[in-house]
Amino acid sequence: MKLMLNGKVRDTEMGATLTDLLTSLQLPEKGVLIELNGRAVPRTDFSTTILGEADTVEIVRMVGGG
């Protein structure tokens, strides 16, 4: 199925969760913020949030510095 990830179309498997998506992108669950269809998703819900066809996902990595 196709979804929009950070402004680009991406293929992913049906039934994939946000955790599956992060794994495929080689990103850790800690240190990222995810917005799904305009709503922030709590990290505790990543493994139970199933992606659907044409969903819009924005992933932002948190970076420290000063």
PDB file of N, CA and C in Angstrom:
ATOM      1  N   MET A   1       0.840  -1.177   0.000  1.00  0.00           N
ATOM      2  CA  MET A   1       0.000   0.000   0.000  1.00  0.00           C
ATOM      3  C   MET A   1       0.882   1.235   0.000  1.00  0.00           C
ATOM      4  N   LYS A   2       0.313   2.347  -0.368  1.00  0.00           N
ATOM      5  CA  LYS A   2       1.077   3.591  -0.451  1.00  0.00           C
ATOM      6  C   LYS A   2       0.623   4.558   0.631  1.00  0.00           C
ATOM      7  N   LEU A   3       1.604   5.285   1.172  1.00  0.00           N
ATOM      8  CA  LEU A   3       1.307   6.353   2.110  1.00  0.00           C
ATOM      9  C   LEU A   3       2.242   7.513   1.818  1.00  0.00           C
ATOM     10  N   MET A   4       1.945   8.658   2.395  1.00  0.00           N
ATOM     11  CA  MET A   4       2.781   9.841   2.217  1.00  0.00           C
ATOM     12  C   MET A   4       3.637   9.979   3.467  1.00  0.00           C
ATOM     13  N   LEU A   5       4.962   9.907   3.283  1.00  0.00           N
ATOM     14  CA  LEU A   5       5.900   9.990   4.394  1.00  0.00           C
ATOM     15  C   LEU A   5       6.789  11.204   4.199  1.00  0.00           C
ATOM     16  N   ASN A   6       6.650  12.174   5.077  1.00  0.00           N
ATOM     17  CA  ASN A   6       7.429  13.411   5.010  1.00  0.00           C
ATOM     18  C   ASN A   6       7.407  14.005   3.599  1.00  0.00           C
ATOM     19  N   GLY A   7       6.219  14.006   3.003  1.00  0.00           N
ATOM     20  CA  GLY A   7       6.027  14.640   1.709  1.00  0.00           C
ATOM     21  C   GLY A   7       6.350  13.785   0.498  1.00  0.00           C
ATOM     22  N   LYS A   8       6.728  12.535   0.702  1.00  0.00           N
ATOM     23  CA  LYS A   8       7.059  11.645  -0.414  1.00  0.00           C
ATOM     24  C   LYS A   8       6.239  10.369  -0.319  1.00  0.00           C
ATOM     25  N   VAL A   9       5.836   9.838  -1.477  1.00  0.00           N
ATOM     26  CA  VAL A   9       5.074   8.600  -1.511  1.00  0.00           C
ATOM     27  C   VAL A   9       6.009   7.446  -1.161  1.00  0.00           C
ATOM     28  N   ARG A  10       5.516   6.550  -0.296  1.00  0.00           N
ATOM     29  CA  ARG A  10       6.313   5.393   0.120  1.00  0.00           C
ATOM     30  C   ARG A  10       5.412   4.170   0.154  1.00  0.00           C
ATOM     31  N   ASP A  11       5.944   3.042  -0.302  1.00  0.00           N
ATOM     32  CA  ASP A  11       5.225   1.770  -0.215  1.00  0.00           C
ATOM     33  C   ASP A  11       5.524   1.127   1.127  1.00  0.00           C
ATOM     34  N   THR A  12       4.506   0.505   1.699  1.00  0.00           N
ATOM     35  CA  THR A  12       4.673  -0.260   2.929  1.00  0.00           C
ATOM     36  C   THR A  12       3.680  -1.413   2.913  1.00  0.00           C
ATOM     37  N   GLU A  13       3.905  -2.391   3.761  1.00  0.00           N
ATOM     38  CA  GLU A  13       3.045  -3.573   3.788  1.00  0.00           C
ATOM     39  C   GLU A  13       1.712  -3.263   4.453  1.00  0.00           C
ATOM     40  N   MET A  14       0.653  -3.918   3.982  1.00  0.00           N
ATOM     41  CA  MET A  14      -0.654  -3.809   4.630  1.00  0.00           C
ATOM     42  C   MET A  14      -0.521  -4.296   6.057  1.00  0.00           C
ATOM     43  N   GLY A  15      -1.156  -3.600   6.985  1.00  0.00           N
ATOM     44  CA  GLY A  15      -1.121  -4.002   8.380  1.00  0.00           C
ATOM     45  C   GLY A  15       0.100  -3.533   9.136  1.00  0.00           C
ATOM     46  N   ALA A  16       0.973  -2.761   8.480  1.00  0.00           N
ATOM     47  CA  ALA A  16       2.186  -2.274   9.146  1.00  0.00           C
ATOM     48  C   ALA A  16       1.819  -1.267  10.231  1.00  0.00           C
ATOM     49  N   THR A  17       2.565  -1.307  11.321  1.00  0.00           N
ATOM     50  CA  THR A  17       2.377  -0.345  12.410  1.00  0.00           C
ATOM     51  C   THR A  17       3.427   0.758  12.288  1.00  0.00           C
ATOM     52  N   LEU A  18       3.288   1.772  13.118  1.00  0.00           N
ATOM     53  CA  LEU A  18       4.308   2.823  13.136  1.00  0.00           C
ATOM     54  C   LEU A  18       5.662   2.254  13.553  1.00  0.00           C
ATOM     55  N   THR A  19       5.673   1.294  14.468  1.00  0.00           N
ATOM     56  CA  THR A  19       6.924   0.644  14.861  1.00  0.00           C
ATOM     57  C   THR A  19       7.553  -0.067  13.666  1.00  0.00           C
ATOM     58  N   ASP A  20       6.744  -0.757  12.859  1.00  0.00           N
ATOM     59  CA  ASP A  20       7.263  -1.420  11.661  1.00  0.00           C
ATOM     60  C   ASP A  20       7.873  -0.400  10.699  1.00  0.00           C
ATOM     61  N   LEU A  21       7.202   0.728  10.542  1.00  0.00           N
ATOM     62  CA  LEU A  21       7.705   1.773   9.650  1.00  0.00           C
ATOM     63  C   LEU A  21       9.044   2.299  10.150  1.00  0.00           C
ATOM     64  N   LEU A  22       9.139   2.578  11.437  1.00  0.00           N
ATOM     65  CA  LEU A  22      10.407   3.062  11.995  1.00  0.00           C
ATOM     66  C   LEU A  22      11.517   2.031  11.815  1.00  0.00           C
ATOM     67  N   THR A  23      11.208   0.767  12.013  1.00  0.00           N
ATOM     68  CA  THR A  23      12.194  -0.300  11.828  1.00  0.00           C
ATOM     69  C   THR A  23      12.685  -0.326  10.387  1.00  0.00           C
ATOM     70  N   SER A  24      11.765  -0.199   9.432  1.00  0.00           N
ATOM     71  CA  SER A  24      12.155  -0.223   8.018  1.00  0.00           C
ATOM     72  C   SER A  24      13.019   0.983   7.650  1.00  0.00           C
ATOM     73  N   LEU A  25      12.851   2.076   8.385  1.00  0.00           N
ATOM     74  CA  LEU A  25      13.652   3.286   8.150  1.00  0.00           C
ATOM     75  C   LEU A  25      14.923   3.303   9.004  1.00  0.00           C
ATOM     76  N   GLN A  26      15.103   2.269   9.816  1.00  0.00           N
ATOM     77  CA  GLN A  26      16.238   2.153  10.733  1.00  0.00           C
ATOM     78  C   GLN A  26      16.309   3.340  11.696  1.00  0.00           C
ATOM     79  N   LEU A  27      15.127   3.722  12.212  1.00  0.00           N
ATOM     80  CA  LEU A  27      15.037   4.796  13.191  1.00  0.00           C
ATOM     81  C   LEU A  27      14.588   4.219  14.526  1.00  0.00           C
ATOM     82  N   PRO A  28      15.153   4.702  15.630  1.00  0.00           N
ATOM     83  CA  PRO A  28      14.716   4.236  16.949  1.00  0.00           C
ATOM     84  C   PRO A  28      13.379   4.879  17.317  1.00  0.00           C
ATOM     85  N   GLU A  29      12.619   4.220  18.181  1.00  0.00           N
ATOM     86  CA  GLU A  29      11.362   4.813  18.641  1.00  0.00           C
ATOM     87  C   GLU A  29      11.629   6.027  19.526  1.00  0.00           C
ATOM     88  N   LYS A  30      12.682   5.954  20.312  1.00  0.00           N
ATOM     89  CA  LYS A  30      13.028   7.104  21.153  1.00  0.00           C
ATOM     90  C   LYS A  30      13.690   8.158  20.288  1.00  0.00           C
ATOM     91  N   GLY A  31      13.364   9.403  20.553  1.00  0.00           N
ATOM     92  CA  GLY A  31      14.003  10.488  19.828  1.00  0.00           C
ATOM     93  C   GLY A  31      13.291  10.900  18.560  1.00  0.00           C
ATOM     94  N   VAL A  32      12.086  10.362  18.330  1.00  0.00           N
ATOM     95  CA  VAL A  32      11.316  10.800  17.162  1.00  0.00           C
ATOM     96  C   VAL A  32       9.912  11.203  17.607  1.00  0.00           C
ATOM     97  N   LEU A  33       9.349  12.124  16.868  1.00  0.00           N
ATOM     98  CA  LEU A  33       7.953  12.510  17.029  1.00  0.00           C
ATOM     99  C   LEU A  33       7.243  12.101  15.751  1.00  0.00           C
ATOM    100  N   ILE A  34       6.036  11.538  15.882  1.00  0.00           N
ATOM    101  CA  ILE A  34       5.288  11.115  14.702  1.00  0.00           C
ATOM    102  C   ILE A  34       3.921  11.762  14.708  1.00  0.00           C
ATOM    103  N   GLU A  35       3.575  12.315  13.552  1.00  0.00           N
ATOM    104  CA  GLU A  35       2.251  12.866  13.325  1.00  0.00           C
ATOM    105  C   GLU A  35       1.595  12.008  12.248  1.00  0.00           C
ATOM    106  N   LEU A  36       0.405  11.507  12.533  1.00  0.00           N
ATOM    107  CA  LEU A  36      -0.340  10.672  11.596  1.00  0.00           C
ATOM    108  C   LEU A  36      -1.632  11.384  11.238  1.00  0.00           C
ATOM    109  N   ASN A  37      -1.757  11.724   9.966  1.00  0.00           N
ATOM    110  CA  ASN A  37      -2.948  12.429   9.475  1.00  0.00           C
ATOM    111  C   ASN A  37      -3.253  13.679  10.302  1.00  0.00           C
ATOM    112  N   GLY A  38      -2.188  14.420  10.635  1.00  0.00           N
ATOM    113  CA  GLY A  38      -2.348  15.690  11.328  1.00  0.00           C
ATOM    114  C   GLY A  38      -2.468  15.611  12.837  1.00  0.00           C
ATOM    115  N   ARG A  39      -2.354  14.411  13.405  1.00  0.00           N
ATOM    116  CA  ARG A  39      -2.467  14.247  14.856  1.00  0.00           C
ATOM    117  C   ARG A  39      -1.215  13.580  15.417  1.00  0.00           C
ATOM    118  N   ALA A  40      -0.702  14.123  16.508  1.00  0.00           N
ATOM    119  CA  ALA A  40       0.474  13.542  17.152  1.00  0.00           C
ATOM    120  C   ALA A  40       0.111  12.182  17.747  1.00  0.00           C
ATOM    121  N   VAL A  41       1.026  11.238  17.612  1.00  0.00           N
ATOM    122  CA  VAL A  41       0.816   9.889  18.150  1.00  0.00           C
ATOM    123  C   VAL A  41       1.769   9.691  19.324  1.00  0.00           C
ATOM    124  N   PRO A  42       1.242   9.348  20.499  1.00  0.00           N
ATOM    125  CA  PRO A  42       2.128   9.078  21.640  1.00  0.00           C
ATOM    126  C   PRO A  42       3.019   7.862  21.356  1.00  0.00           C
ATOM    127  N   ARG A  43       4.248   7.908  21.824  1.00  0.00           N
ATOM    128  CA  ARG A  43       5.198   6.815  21.599  1.00  0.00           C
ATOM    129  C   ARG A  43       4.630   5.477  22.085  1.00  0.00           C
ATOM    130  N   THR A  44       3.843   5.512  23.137  1.00  0.00           N
ATOM    131  CA  THR A  44       3.267   4.280  23.673  1.00  0.00           C
ATOM    132  C   THR A  44       2.288   3.627  22.701  1.00  0.00           C
ATOM    133  N   ASP A  45       1.829   4.372  21.699  1.00  0.00           N
ATOM    134  CA  ASP A  45       0.876   3.835  20.722  1.00  0.00           C
ATOM    135  C   ASP A  45       1.521   3.421  19.393  1.00  0.00           C
ATOM    136  N   PHE A  46       2.829   3.602  19.246  1.00  0.00           N
ATOM    137  CA  PHE A  46       3.492   3.279  17.975  1.00  0.00           C
ATOM    138  C   PHE A  46       3.252   1.832  17.554  1.00  0.00           C
ATOM    139  N   SER A  47       3.350   0.904  18.494  1.00  0.00           N
ATOM    140  CA  SER A  47       3.258  -0.517  18.140  1.00  0.00           C
ATOM    141  C   SER A  47       1.828  -0.976  17.864  1.00  0.00           C
ATOM    142  N   THR A  48       0.844  -0.181  18.250  1.00  0.00           N
ATOM    143  CA  THR A  48      -0.557  -0.570  18.033  1.00  0.00           C
ATOM    144  C   THR A  48      -1.260   0.279  16.988  1.00  0.00           C
ATOM    145  N   THR A  49      -0.577   1.295  16.474  1.00  0.00           N
ATOM    146  CA  THR A  49      -1.177   2.160  15.456  1.00  0.00           C
ATOM    147  C   THR A  49      -0.888   1.577  14.079  1.00  0.00           C
ATOM    148  N   ILE A  50      -1.946   1.092  13.435  1.00  0.00           N
ATOM    149  CA  ILE A  50      -1.813   0.452  12.126  1.00  0.00           C
ATOM    150  C   ILE A  50      -2.007   1.495  11.029  1.00  0.00           C
ATOM    151  N   LEU A  51      -1.101   1.468  10.080  1.00  0.00           N
ATOM    152  CA  LEU A  51      -1.157   2.405   8.969  1.00  0.00           C
ATOM    153  C   LEU A  51      -2.165   1.952   7.913  1.00  0.00           C
ATOM    154  N   GLY A  52      -2.788   2.927   7.264  1.00  0.00           N
ATOM    155  CA  GLY A  52      -3.762   2.626   6.222  1.00  0.00           C
ATOM    156  C   GLY A  52      -3.366   3.264   4.907  1.00  0.00           C
ATOM    157  N   GLU A  53      -3.992   2.798   3.843  1.00  0.00           N
ATOM    158  CA  GLU A  53      -3.763   3.332   2.497  1.00  0.00           C
ATOM    159  C   GLU A  53      -3.968   4.846   2.510  1.00  0.00           C
ATOM    160  N   ALA A  54      -3.035   5.567   1.916  1.00  0.00           N
ATOM    161  CA  ALA A  54      -3.090   7.018   1.739  1.00  0.00           C
ATOM    162  C   ALA A  54      -2.958   7.813   3.043  1.00  0.00           C
ATOM    163  N   ASP A  55      -2.491   7.178   4.126  1.00  0.00           N
ATOM    164  CA  ASP A  55      -2.217   7.926   5.353  1.00  0.00           C
ATOM    165  C   ASP A  55      -1.082   8.905   5.092  1.00  0.00           C
ATOM    166  N   THR A  56      -1.075   9.985   5.866  1.00  0.00           N
ATOM    167  CA  THR A  56       0.004  10.954   5.808  1.00  0.00           C
ATOM    168  C   THR A  56       0.775  10.888   7.120  1.00  0.00           C
ATOM    169  N   VAL A  57       2.072  10.588   7.020  1.00  0.00           N
ATOM    170  CA  VAL A  57       2.927  10.439   8.211  1.00  0.00           C
ATOM    171  C   VAL A  57       4.059  11.449   8.122  1.00  0.00           C
ATOM    172  N   GLU A  58       4.252  12.153   9.222  1.00  0.00           N
ATOM    173  CA  GLU A  58       5.394  13.063   9.358  1.00  0.00           C
ATOM    174  C   GLU A  58       6.233  12.561  10.513  1.00  0.00           C
ATOM    175  N   ILE A  59       7.511  12.316  10.257  1.00  0.00           N
ATOM    176  CA  ILE A  59       8.430  11.883  11.302  1.00  0.00           C
ATOM    177  C   ILE A  59       9.481  12.968  11.495  1.00  0.00           C
ATOM    178  N   VAL A  60       9.636  13.395  12.739  1.00  0.00           N
ATOM    179  CA  VAL A  60      10.610  14.425  13.067  1.00  0.00           C
ATOM    180  C   VAL A  60      11.568  13.839  14.096  1.00  0.00           C
ATOM    181  N   ARG A  61      12.855  13.934  13.808  1.00  0.00           N
ATOM    182  CA  ARG A  61      13.866  13.475  14.755  1.00  0.00           C
ATOM    183  C   ARG A  61      14.222  14.623  15.673  1.00  0.00           C
ATOM    184  N   MET A  62      14.273  14.333  16.968  1.00  0.00           N
ATOM    185  CA  MET A  62      14.666  15.346  17.940  1.00  0.00           C
ATOM    186  C   MET A  62      16.199  15.351  18.033  1.00  0.00           C
ATOM    187  N   VAL A  63      16.762  16.549  18.021  1.00  0.00           N
ATOM    188  CA  VAL A  63      18.209  16.681  18.078  1.00  0.00           C
ATOM    189  C   VAL A  63      18.546  17.675  19.184  1.00  0.00           C
ATOM    190  N   GLY A  64      19.531  17.329  19.979  1.00  0.00           N
ATOM    191  CA  GLY A  64      19.978  18.230  21.022  1.00  0.00           C
ATOM    192  C   GLY A  64      21.120  19.110  20.530  1.00  0.00           C
ATOM    193  N   GLY A  65      21.311  20.161  21.189  1.00  0.00           N
ATOM    194  CA  GLY A  65      22.409  21.033  20.807  1.00  0.00           C
ATOM    195  C   GLY A  65      22.270  22.360  21.540  1.00  0.00           C
ATOM    196  N   GLY A  66      23.188  23.201  21.286  1.00  0.00           N
ATOM    197  CA  GLY A  66      23.073  24.465  21.996  1.00  0.00           C
ATOM    198  C   GLY A  66      24.039  25.421  21.587  1.00  0.00           C
TER     199      GLY A  66
END
